[in-house]
Protein backbone atom coordinates (compact mmCIF):
# COMPACT_ATOMS: atom_id res chain seq x y z
CA MET A 1 30.99 -28.73 -32.48
CA PRO A 2 28.01 -28.10 -30.13
CA PHE A 3 28.20 -25.60 -27.30
CA PRO A 4 29.03 -27.12 -23.92
CA LEU A 5 25.99 -27.66 -21.71
CA LEU A 6 27.18 -25.54 -18.72
CA PRO A 7 27.10 -22.19 -20.54
CA ARG A 8 23.60 -22.95 -21.84
CA VAL A 9 22.37 -23.68 -18.32
CA ARG A 10 23.90 -20.42 -17.00
CA THR A 11 22.29 -18.49 -19.89
CA ALA A 12 18.91 -20.09 -19.18
CA ARG A 13 19.19 -19.32 -15.48
CA ALA A 14 20.14 -15.71 -16.23
CA LEU A 15 17.17 -15.33 -18.61
CA LEU A 16 14.79 -16.85 -16.01
CA ALA A 17 16.12 -14.48 -13.36
CA MET A 18 15.56 -11.49 -15.63
CA LEU A 19 12.06 -12.62 -16.48
CA TRP A 20 11.25 -13.11 -12.79
CA THR A 21 12.48 -9.59 -11.99
CA ILE A 22 10.35 -8.10 -14.72
CA LEU A 23 7.24 -9.98 -13.72
CA SER A 24 7.75 -9.16 -10.02
CA ALA A 25 8.11 -5.47 -10.80
CA GLY A 26 4.76 -5.52 -12.61
CA ALA A 27 3.03 -7.13 -9.63
CA HIS A 28 4.21 -4.34 -7.38
CA ALA A 29 3.79 -1.33 -9.68
CA GLY A 30 3.09 1.35 -7.10
CA GLU A 31 4.20 2.15 -3.63
CA PHE A 32 0.76 1.48 -2.06
CA PHE A 33 -1.24 -1.65 -1.35
CA GLU A 34 -3.52 -2.22 -4.32
CA LYS A 35 -6.48 -4.47 -4.86
CA ASP A 36 -7.77 -4.84 -8.39
CA GLY A 37 -5.36 -2.09 -9.56
CA VAL A 38 -6.52 0.58 -7.17
CA ALA A 39 -5.45 1.82 -3.70
CA LEU A 40 -7.75 1.63 -0.70
CA ARG A 41 -9.88 -0.95 -2.47
CA GLY A 42 -11.44 1.97 -4.35
CA HIS A 43 -12.19 4.19 -1.33
CA ASP A 44 -11.65 7.95 -1.42
CA PRO A 45 -8.60 8.87 0.73
CA VAL A 46 -9.78 12.48 1.24
CA ALA A 47 -13.16 11.37 2.58
CA TYR A 48 -11.53 9.80 5.63
CA PHE A 49 -10.52 13.33 6.60
CA THR A 50 -13.49 15.38 5.43
CA GLU A 51 -16.31 12.95 6.29
CA GLY A 52 -14.63 10.87 8.98
CA LYS A 53 -15.60 7.62 7.28
CA PRO A 54 -14.72 5.48 4.29
CA VAL A 55 -16.56 6.54 1.14
CA ARG A 56 -16.33 4.62 -2.11
CA GLY A 57 -14.60 6.47 -4.88
CA SER A 58 -15.45 6.43 -8.59
CA ARG A 59 -13.62 5.58 -11.80
CA GLU A 60 -14.74 9.06 -12.98
CA HIS A 61 -12.42 10.77 -10.51
CA THR A 62 -8.92 9.30 -10.41
CA ALA A 63 -5.36 10.33 -9.78
CA ASP A 64 -2.05 8.53 -9.83
CA TYR A 65 0.46 8.96 -7.07
CA LYS A 66 3.80 7.15 -6.86
CA GLY A 67 2.64 4.66 -9.44
CA THR A 68 -0.68 3.84 -7.75
CA THR A 69 -4.19 4.79 -8.82
CA PHE A 70 -6.56 6.38 -6.29
CA TRP A 71 -10.29 6.88 -6.73
CA PHE A 72 -12.31 9.78 -5.35
CA ALA A 73 -15.98 10.39 -4.69
CA THR A 74 -15.86 13.91 -6.09
CA GLN A 75 -13.75 16.04 -8.36
CA ALA A 76 -13.09 18.42 -5.44
CA HIS A 77 -11.63 15.50 -3.42
CA ARG A 78 -9.45 14.52 -6.37
CA ASP A 79 -8.20 18.11 -6.74
CA ALA A 80 -7.37 18.31 -2.99
CA PHE A 81 -5.44 15.09 -3.21
CA VAL A 82 -3.50 16.16 -6.29
CA ALA A 83 -2.63 19.43 -4.58
CA SER A 84 -1.26 17.66 -1.43
CA PRO A 85 -1.06 13.82 -1.84
CA GLU A 86 1.21 13.37 1.12
CA ARG A 87 -1.47 14.90 3.36
CA TYR A 88 -4.13 12.34 2.37
CA ALA A 89 -2.24 9.19 1.31
CA PRO A 90 -2.33 6.41 3.90
CA GLN A 91 0.68 5.73 6.01
CA TYR A 92 2.89 2.68 5.45
CA GLY A 93 1.83 2.37 1.85
CA GLY A 94 -1.73 1.58 2.83
CA TYR A 95 -0.62 -1.69 4.48
CA CYS A 96 -1.76 -2.55 7.96
CA ALA A 97 -0.25 -0.09 10.47
CA TYR A 98 -0.33 -2.73 13.24
CA GLY A 99 1.46 -5.15 10.90
CA ALA A 100 4.12 -2.52 10.08
CA ALA A 101 4.65 -1.95 13.79
CA SER A 102 5.03 -5.73 14.23
CA GLY A 103 7.49 -6.01 11.42
CA TYR A 104 5.47 -7.34 8.45
CA LYS A 105 3.18 -6.25 5.63
CA ALA A 106 -0.50 -7.15 5.75
CA VAL A 107 -3.52 -6.25 3.58
CA THR A 108 -6.06 -3.84 4.90
CA ASP A 109 -9.80 -3.37 5.28
CA PRO A 110 -10.68 0.25 4.33
CA THR A 111 -13.33 0.24 7.02
CA ALA A 112 -10.72 -0.46 9.75
CA PHE A 113 -9.05 2.94 9.88
CA SER A 114 -8.12 5.82 12.11
CA VAL A 115 -7.01 9.36 11.46
CA VAL A 116 -4.49 10.36 14.15
CA GLY A 117 -2.38 13.46 14.11
CA GLY A 118 -3.63 14.31 10.66
CA LYS A 119 -2.48 11.00 9.17
CA LEU A 120 -4.49 8.08 7.81
CA TYR A 121 -3.78 4.63 9.23
CA LEU A 122 -5.38 1.41 7.99
CA ASN A 123 -5.60 -1.96 9.71
CA TYR A 124 -6.13 -5.56 8.68
CA ASN A 125 -9.60 -5.74 10.23
CA ALA A 126 -11.71 -4.41 13.16
CA ASP A 127 -10.06 -6.76 15.67
CA VAL A 128 -6.59 -5.61 14.76
CA GLN A 129 -7.83 -2.00 14.77
CA ALA A 130 -8.97 -2.45 18.34
CA LYS A 131 -5.44 -3.62 19.31
CA TRP A 132 -3.89 -0.73 17.34
CA SER A 133 -6.18 1.73 19.15
CA GLY A 134 -4.98 0.49 22.52
CA ASP A 135 -1.66 2.41 22.20
CA VAL A 136 -1.54 4.25 18.87
CA THR A 137 1.38 6.44 19.90
CA ALA A 138 3.64 3.42 20.70
CA TYR A 139 2.59 1.56 17.59
CA VAL A 140 3.24 4.56 15.36
CA ARG A 141 6.74 4.91 16.82
CA LYS A 142 7.41 1.18 16.16
CA ALA A 143 5.96 1.31 12.68
CA ASP A 144 7.85 4.49 11.72
CA ARG A 145 11.06 2.81 12.86
CA ARG A 146 10.36 -0.54 11.13
CA TRP A 147 8.73 0.67 7.93
CA PRO A 148 11.91 1.26 5.91
CA ARG A 149 12.72 -2.43 6.29
CA VAL A 150 9.12 -3.70 6.11
CA SER A 151 8.49 -1.67 2.97
CA ARG A 152 10.99 -3.78 1.06
CA GLN A 153 9.33 -7.09 2.00
CA THR A 154 7.59 -8.90 -0.85
CA ASN A 155 5.47 -11.25 1.32
CA VAL A 156 2.09 -9.85 2.35
CA VAL A 157 -0.19 -11.40 4.93
CA GLU A 158 -3.60 -11.81 3.38
């Protein structure tokens, strides 16, 4: 006697749900915004602090932090990051700080940045960075308060 159809449908749905969970986890491997498998679109996080500007990193100098790969322009920058990653890693997972303050995740342009109070903040683009710069203190307060909820969002504004 063949199995009833209903249990087969339930089994198929359960298998699809498990597959979806596995595939989704792979898409969001690390805690930071990644493009082409690397944080900061390949820019060196330490350079924002030491040189005051975005500097392209290299595949020769890499480090993993919280499941995300970061590139560095020099071995010295890599070593500084490894010694104190929380000091150099971008806030809000490298997603747009203005977006986090507004309650959503958005991609970032590594040239739209600011270092405030010893922390690296990235923005969607130069226009958004200009808004962010208008009242950084208020936006940081909002983003800090909202980030725990926003960090769990799977939708990202591109």
